[in-house]
Amino acid sequence: MKEIKTLEEFARVTEDGARCVVMFTANWCPDCVFVKPFLPEVIEAFPEVEFYTVNRDELLDLCVDLGIMGIPSFVAFGDGKEIGRFVSKDRKTQGEIEAFIRGL
């Protein structure tokens, strides 16, 4: 997963028309740490999707603008607009994340 570090980079990645999933995360987040071991398998299962991370602590204004309150949150973009969002208060499993991506 590539990390997005600036607002300009986020705009470029999400507006270029390619399908992508952005995981909003933080280093201190235990639920984010929980998903990290199986993320490579998720990425491998969807070669047609680009995957990125955003550290919410580094781009807090972006998270506020997008209404990202909890982490990890997964937001999908395609054709320059948001096409799906997987946000819940529960710990996310590999199966749930893959089901979200398949449903886009």
C-alpha atoms as a PDB file:
ATOM      1  CA  MET A   1       0.000   0.000   0.000  1.00  0.00           C
ATOM      2  CA  LYS A   2       1.218   3.430  -0.882  1.00  0.00           C
ATOM      3  CA  GLU A   3       0.866   6.192   1.697  1.00  0.00           C
ATOM      4  CA  ILE A   4      -0.752   9.478   0.717  1.00  0.00           C
ATOM      5  CA  LYS A   5       1.032  12.304   2.519  1.00  0.00           C
ATOM      6  CA  THR A   6      -0.498  15.502   1.108  1.00  0.00           C
ATOM      7  CA  LEU A   7      -3.892  16.870   0.112  1.00  0.00           C
ATOM      8  CA  GLU A   8      -2.586  17.372  -3.414  1.00  0.00           C
ATOM      9  CA  GLU A   9      -1.533  13.746  -3.655  1.00  0.00           C
ATOM     10  CA  PHE A  10      -4.952  12.627  -2.366  1.00  0.00           C
ATOM     11  CA  ALA A  11      -6.694  14.753  -4.995  1.00  0.00           C
ATOM     12  CA  ARG A  12      -4.486  13.393  -7.775  1.00  0.00           C
ATOM     13  CA  VAL A  13      -5.005   9.755  -6.739  1.00  0.00           C
ATOM     14  CA  THR A  14      -8.768   9.987  -6.272  1.00  0.00           C
ATOM     15  CA  GLU A  15      -9.537  12.169  -9.284  1.00  0.00           C
ATOM     16  CA  ASP A  16      -7.588  10.301 -11.965  1.00  0.00           C
ATOM     17  CA  GLY A  17     -10.491   7.952 -12.722  1.00  0.00           C
ATOM     18  CA  ALA A  18      -8.830   4.715 -11.629  1.00  0.00           C
ATOM     19  CA  ARG A  19     -10.577   2.624  -8.998  1.00  0.00           C
ATOM     20  CA  CYS A  20      -8.860   2.888  -5.637  1.00  0.00           C
ATOM     21  CA  VAL A  21      -9.462   2.141  -1.973  1.00  0.00           C
ATOM     22  CA  VAL A  22      -8.061   4.447   0.684  1.00  0.00           C
ATOM     23  CA  MET A  23      -7.598   3.138   4.221  1.00  0.00           C
ATOM     24  CA  PHE A  24      -7.676   5.868   6.849  1.00  0.00           C
ATOM     25  CA  THR A  25      -5.528   4.748   9.759  1.00  0.00           C
ATOM     26  CA  ALA A  26      -3.256   5.823  12.629  1.00  0.00           C
ATOM     27  CA  ASN A  27      -0.173   4.232  14.160  1.00  0.00           C
ATOM     28  CA  TRP A  28      -1.732   4.117  17.632  1.00  0.00           C
ATOM     29  CA  CYS A  29      -4.985   2.442  16.506  1.00  0.00           C
ATOM     30  CA  PRO A  30      -5.278  -1.189  17.712  1.00  0.00           C
ATOM     31  CA  ASP A  31      -7.960  -2.050  15.129  1.00  0.00           C
ATOM     32  CA  CYS A  32      -5.693  -0.696  12.386  1.00  0.00           C
ATOM     33  CA  VAL A  33      -2.839  -2.873  13.635  1.00  0.00           C
ATOM     34  CA  PHE A  34      -5.231  -5.855  13.620  1.00  0.00           C
ATOM     35  CA  VAL A  35      -5.931  -5.572   9.864  1.00  0.00           C
ATOM     36  CA  LYS A  36      -2.323  -4.996   8.754  1.00  0.00           C
ATOM     37  CA  PRO A  37      -1.231  -8.675   8.694  1.00  0.00           C
ATOM     38  CA  PHE A  38      -3.905  -9.700   6.173  1.00  0.00           C
ATOM     39  CA  LEU A  39      -3.926  -6.565   4.011  1.00  0.00           C
ATOM     40  CA  PRO A  40      -1.353  -8.017   1.565  1.00  0.00           C
ATOM     41  CA  GLU A  41      -3.778 -10.870   0.851  1.00  0.00           C
ATOM     42  CA  VAL A  42      -6.622  -8.405   0.288  1.00  0.00           C
ATOM     43  CA  ILE A  43      -4.474  -6.360  -2.089  1.00  0.00           C
ATOM     44  CA  GLU A  44      -3.418  -9.490  -3.989  1.00  0.00           C
ATOM     45  CA  ALA A  45      -7.051 -10.579  -4.368  1.00  0.00           C
ATOM     46  CA  PHE A  46      -7.960  -7.334  -6.174  1.00  0.00           C
ATOM     47  CA  PRO A  47      -5.198  -6.522  -8.691  1.00  0.00           C
ATOM     48  CA  GLU A  48      -7.534  -4.143 -10.567  1.00  0.00           C
ATOM     49  CA  VAL A  49      -7.758  -1.830  -7.523  1.00  0.00           C
ATOM     50  CA  GLU A  50      -5.072   0.554  -6.282  1.00  0.00           C
ATOM     51  CA  PHE A  51      -4.715   0.670  -2.477  1.00  0.00           C
ATOM     52  CA  TYR A  52      -3.537   3.635  -0.419  1.00  0.00           C
ATOM     53  CA  THR A  53      -3.318   4.644   3.220  1.00  0.00           C
ATOM     54  CA  VAL A  54      -3.855   8.009   4.861  1.00  0.00           C
ATOM     55  CA  ASN A  55      -2.572   8.644   8.373  1.00  0.00           C
ATOM     56  CA  ARG A  56      -5.474  10.512   9.970  1.00  0.00           C
ATOM     57  CA  ASP A  57      -3.146  12.317  12.382  1.00  0.00           C
ATOM     58  CA  GLU A  58      -1.132  13.754   9.489  1.00  0.00           C
ATOM     59  CA  LEU A  59      -4.126  14.729   7.314  1.00  0.00           C
ATOM     60  CA  LEU A  60      -6.766  15.467   9.945  1.00  0.00           C
ATOM     61  CA  ASP A  61      -8.378  18.261   7.883  1.00  0.00           C
ATOM     62  CA  LEU A  62      -8.974  15.798   5.034  1.00  0.00           C
ATOM     63  CA  CYS A  63     -10.587  13.330   7.444  1.00  0.00           C
ATOM     64  CA  VAL A  64     -12.854  16.061   8.798  1.00  0.00           C
ATOM     65  CA  ASP A  65     -13.810  17.129   5.262  1.00  0.00           C
ATOM     66  CA  LEU A  66     -14.669  13.521   4.355  1.00  0.00           C
ATOM     67  CA  GLY A  67     -16.478  12.817   7.627  1.00  0.00           C
ATOM     68  CA  ILE A  68     -14.022  10.122   8.689  1.00  0.00           C
ATOM     69  CA  MET A  69     -14.660   9.781  12.410  1.00  0.00           C
ATOM     70  CA  GLY A  70     -13.510   6.231  13.158  1.00  0.00           C
ATOM     71  CA  ILE A  71     -10.511   4.257  12.019  1.00  0.00           C
ATOM     72  CA  PRO A  72      -9.739   2.148  10.209  1.00  0.00           C
ATOM     73  CA  SER A  73     -12.131   3.383   7.564  1.00  0.00           C
ATOM     74  CA  PHE A  74     -12.076   2.261   3.946  1.00  0.00           C
ATOM     75  CA  VAL A  75     -13.282   4.670   1.261  1.00  0.00           C
ATOM     76  CA  ALA A  76     -13.404   3.683  -2.403  1.00  0.00           C
ATOM     77  CA  PHE A  77     -13.120   6.057  -5.342  1.00  0.00           C
ATOM     78  CA  GLY A  78     -13.722   5.592  -9.050  1.00  0.00           C
ATOM     79  CA  ASP A  79     -14.156   7.970 -11.955  1.00  0.00           C
ATOM     80  CA  GLY A  80     -13.166  10.843  -9.682  1.00  0.00           C
ATOM     81  CA  LYS A  81     -15.864  10.363  -7.035  1.00  0.00           C
ATOM     82  CA  GLU A  82     -16.558   8.338  -3.916  1.00  0.00           C
ATOM     83  CA  ILE A  83     -18.217   5.028  -4.812  1.00  0.00           C
ATOM     84  CA  GLY A  84     -18.314   3.286  -1.452  1.00  0.00           C
ATOM     85  CA  ARG A  85     -17.424   3.439   2.206  1.00  0.00           C
ATOM     86  CA  PHE A  86     -16.810   0.746   4.817  1.00  0.00           C
ATOM     87  CA  VAL A  87     -16.980   2.277   8.261  1.00  0.00           C
ATOM     88  CA  SER A  88     -18.145   0.605  11.444  1.00  0.00           C
ATOM     89  CA  LYS A  89     -17.366   0.668  15.115  1.00  0.00           C
ATOM     90  CA  ASP A  90     -16.556  -3.043  15.045  1.00  0.00           C
ATOM     91  CA  ARG A  91     -13.160  -4.585  14.313  1.00  0.00           C
ATOM     92  CA  LYS A  92     -13.020  -5.359  10.592  1.00  0.00           C
ATOM     93  CA  THR A  93     -12.196  -8.831   9.322  1.00  0.00           C
ATOM     94  CA  GLN A  94     -10.505  -9.825   6.088  1.00  0.00           C
ATOM     95  CA  GLY A  95     -13.772 -11.283   4.818  1.00  0.00           C
ATOM     96  CA  GLU A  96     -15.683  -8.076   5.522  1.00  0.00           C
ATOM     97  CA  ILE A  97     -13.096  -5.915   3.765  1.00  0.00           C
ATOM     98  CA  GLU A  98     -13.041  -8.214   0.740  1.00  0.00           C
ATOM     99  CA  ALA A  99     -16.863  -8.290   0.628  1.00  0.00           C
ATOM    100  CA  PHE A 100     -16.895  -4.480   0.653  1.00  0.00           C
ATOM    101  CA  ILE A 101     -14.490  -4.331  -2.293  1.00  0.00           C
ATOM    102  CA  ARG A 102     -16.373  -7.000  -4.254  1.00  0.00           C
ATOM    103  CA  GLY A 103     -19.581  -5.002  -3.757  1.00  0.00           C
ATOM    104  CA  LEU A 104     -18.221  -1.827  -5.367  1.00  0.00           C
END
